[in-house]
N, C-alpha and C. Protein backbone atom coordinates (compact mmCIF):
# COMPACT_ATOMS: atom_id res chain seq x y z
N MET A 1 -86.69 -34.40 -1.70
CA MET A 1 -85.32 -34.74 -2.05
C MET A 1 -85.30 -36.16 -2.61
N LYS A 2 -84.62 -36.34 -3.71
CA LYS A 2 -84.56 -37.64 -4.37
C LYS A 2 -83.19 -38.27 -4.16
N LEU A 3 -83.18 -39.47 -3.59
CA LEU A 3 -81.94 -40.20 -3.43
C LEU A 3 -81.61 -40.95 -4.70
N THR A 4 -80.36 -41.14 -4.94
CA THR A 4 -79.92 -41.84 -6.14
C THR A 4 -80.28 -43.33 -6.06
N LYS A 5 -80.59 -43.91 -7.20
CA LYS A 5 -80.89 -45.34 -7.26
C LYS A 5 -79.61 -46.16 -7.46
N ASN A 6 -78.51 -45.49 -7.73
CA ASN A 6 -77.24 -46.15 -7.93
C ASN A 6 -76.58 -46.36 -6.57
N LEU A 7 -76.52 -47.63 -6.12
CA LEU A 7 -75.99 -47.94 -4.81
C LEU A 7 -74.52 -47.55 -4.67
N GLY A 8 -73.75 -47.68 -5.73
CA GLY A 8 -72.34 -47.29 -5.69
C GLY A 8 -72.17 -45.80 -5.41
N MET A 9 -72.96 -44.99 -6.07
CA MET A 9 -72.88 -43.54 -5.85
C MET A 9 -73.35 -43.18 -4.44
N LEU A 10 -74.35 -43.89 -3.94
CA LEU A 10 -74.82 -43.65 -2.58
C LEU A 10 -73.73 -43.98 -1.56
N LEU A 11 -73.05 -45.11 -1.75
CA LEU A 11 -71.95 -45.46 -0.85
C LEU A 11 -70.80 -44.46 -0.96
N LEU A 12 -70.53 -44.00 -2.17
CA LEU A 12 -69.49 -42.99 -2.36
C LEU A 12 -69.85 -41.70 -1.62
N ALA A 13 -71.10 -41.29 -1.72
CA ALA A 13 -71.54 -40.08 -1.01
C ALA A 13 -71.39 -40.25 0.50
N ILE A 14 -71.77 -41.41 1.02
CA ILE A 14 -71.62 -41.67 2.46
C ILE A 14 -70.15 -41.63 2.85
N TRP A 15 -69.29 -42.25 2.02
CA TRP A 15 -67.86 -42.25 2.32
C TRP A 15 -67.30 -40.83 2.34
N LEU A 16 -67.69 -40.02 1.36
CA LEU A 16 -67.19 -38.64 1.32
C LEU A 16 -67.66 -37.83 2.52
N ILE A 17 -68.92 -37.98 2.90
CA ILE A 17 -69.45 -37.26 4.05
C ILE A 17 -68.73 -37.68 5.32
N LEU A 18 -68.55 -38.99 5.51
CA LEU A 18 -67.86 -39.47 6.70
C LEU A 18 -66.41 -39.01 6.75
N THR A 19 -65.74 -39.03 5.59
CA THR A 19 -64.35 -38.57 5.53
C THR A 19 -64.25 -37.10 5.94
N GLY A 20 -65.16 -36.30 5.46
CA GLY A 20 -65.17 -34.88 5.83
C GLY A 20 -65.47 -34.67 7.30
N LEU A 21 -66.44 -35.40 7.82
CA LEU A 21 -66.78 -35.26 9.24
C LEU A 21 -65.64 -35.72 10.14
N ILE A 22 -64.98 -36.80 9.76
CA ILE A 22 -63.85 -37.30 10.54
C ILE A 22 -62.73 -36.27 10.56
N ALA A 23 -62.46 -35.64 9.43
CA ALA A 23 -61.40 -34.64 9.36
C ALA A 23 -61.74 -33.40 10.20
N LEU A 24 -63.00 -33.01 10.17
CA LEU A 24 -63.40 -31.80 10.91
C LEU A 24 -63.50 -32.02 12.41
N THR A 25 -63.92 -33.20 12.82
CA THR A 25 -64.18 -33.43 14.24
C THR A 25 -63.10 -34.27 14.93
N SER A 26 -62.12 -34.77 14.19
CA SER A 26 -61.07 -35.65 14.72
C SER A 26 -61.66 -36.89 15.39
N PHE A 27 -62.80 -37.34 14.89
CA PHE A 27 -63.45 -38.54 15.41
C PHE A 27 -62.64 -39.77 15.01
N THR A 28 -62.46 -40.69 15.94
CA THR A 28 -61.71 -41.90 15.63
C THR A 28 -62.13 -43.04 16.55
N PHE A 29 -62.00 -44.24 16.05
CA PHE A 29 -62.12 -45.43 16.87
C PHE A 29 -61.23 -46.51 16.25
N THR A 30 -61.06 -47.61 16.93
CA THR A 30 -60.07 -48.61 16.53
C THR A 30 -60.28 -49.14 15.12
N GLY A 31 -61.50 -49.44 14.72
CA GLY A 31 -61.74 -50.04 13.41
C GLY A 31 -62.05 -49.05 12.31
N LEU A 32 -61.87 -47.78 12.55
CA LEU A 32 -62.24 -46.77 11.56
C LEU A 32 -61.56 -46.94 10.20
N PRO A 33 -60.25 -47.15 10.13
CA PRO A 33 -59.63 -47.33 8.80
C PRO A 33 -60.18 -48.54 8.06
N ILE A 34 -60.48 -49.59 8.77
CA ILE A 34 -61.02 -50.79 8.13
C ILE A 34 -62.42 -50.51 7.57
N VAL A 35 -63.26 -49.86 8.36
CA VAL A 35 -64.62 -49.54 7.92
C VAL A 35 -64.59 -48.63 6.70
N MET A 36 -63.75 -47.61 6.75
CA MET A 36 -63.67 -46.66 5.63
C MET A 36 -63.10 -47.35 4.39
N GLY A 37 -62.15 -48.24 4.56
CA GLY A 37 -61.59 -48.97 3.43
C GLY A 37 -62.61 -49.89 2.77
N ILE A 38 -63.37 -50.61 3.59
CA ILE A 38 -64.40 -51.50 3.06
C ILE A 38 -65.47 -50.71 2.33
N LEU A 39 -65.87 -49.58 2.90
CA LEU A 39 -66.87 -48.72 2.27
C LEU A 39 -66.37 -48.19 0.93
N ALA A 40 -65.12 -47.78 0.86
CA ALA A 40 -64.54 -47.27 -0.39
C ALA A 40 -64.45 -48.37 -1.45
N ILE A 41 -64.01 -49.56 -1.04
CA ILE A 41 -63.91 -50.68 -2.00
C ILE A 41 -65.28 -51.06 -2.52
N ALA A 42 -66.27 -51.15 -1.63
CA ALA A 42 -67.63 -51.52 -2.05
C ALA A 42 -68.19 -50.49 -3.02
N ALA A 43 -68.00 -49.21 -2.73
CA ALA A 43 -68.49 -48.16 -3.62
C ALA A 43 -67.81 -48.25 -4.98
N GLY A 44 -66.50 -48.44 -4.98
CA GLY A 44 -65.76 -48.54 -6.24
C GLY A 44 -66.21 -49.72 -7.09
N ILE A 45 -66.39 -50.86 -6.48
CA ILE A 45 -66.83 -52.05 -7.22
C ILE A 45 -68.22 -51.84 -7.78
N LEU A 46 -69.14 -51.33 -6.97
CA LEU A 46 -70.51 -51.11 -7.45
C LEU A 46 -70.58 -50.08 -8.57
N ILE A 47 -69.75 -49.06 -8.50
CA ILE A 47 -69.71 -48.06 -9.57
C ILE A 47 -69.18 -48.70 -10.86
N LEU A 48 -68.13 -49.52 -10.73
CA LEU A 48 -67.56 -50.18 -11.91
C LEU A 48 -68.55 -51.13 -12.59
N ILE A 49 -69.33 -51.85 -11.80
CA ILE A 49 -70.28 -52.78 -12.42
C ILE A 49 -71.60 -52.12 -12.76
N GLY A 50 -71.73 -50.85 -12.41
CA GLY A 50 -72.90 -50.07 -12.82
C GLY A 50 -74.13 -50.24 -11.97
N ARG A 51 -73.96 -50.56 -10.72
CA ARG A 51 -75.10 -50.71 -9.83
C ARG A 51 -75.27 -49.47 -9.03
């Protein structure tokens, strides 16, 4: 299996997987929205700058 070299796409994939797992399992903790927001912003910025 080959992982992508684009860090933005990798972070986006992690964000999507976590979002799906959270929805399916109702997993939650106090800082979850902050962590997910930071992950989404980082992925978006890296995709925009092409990394």
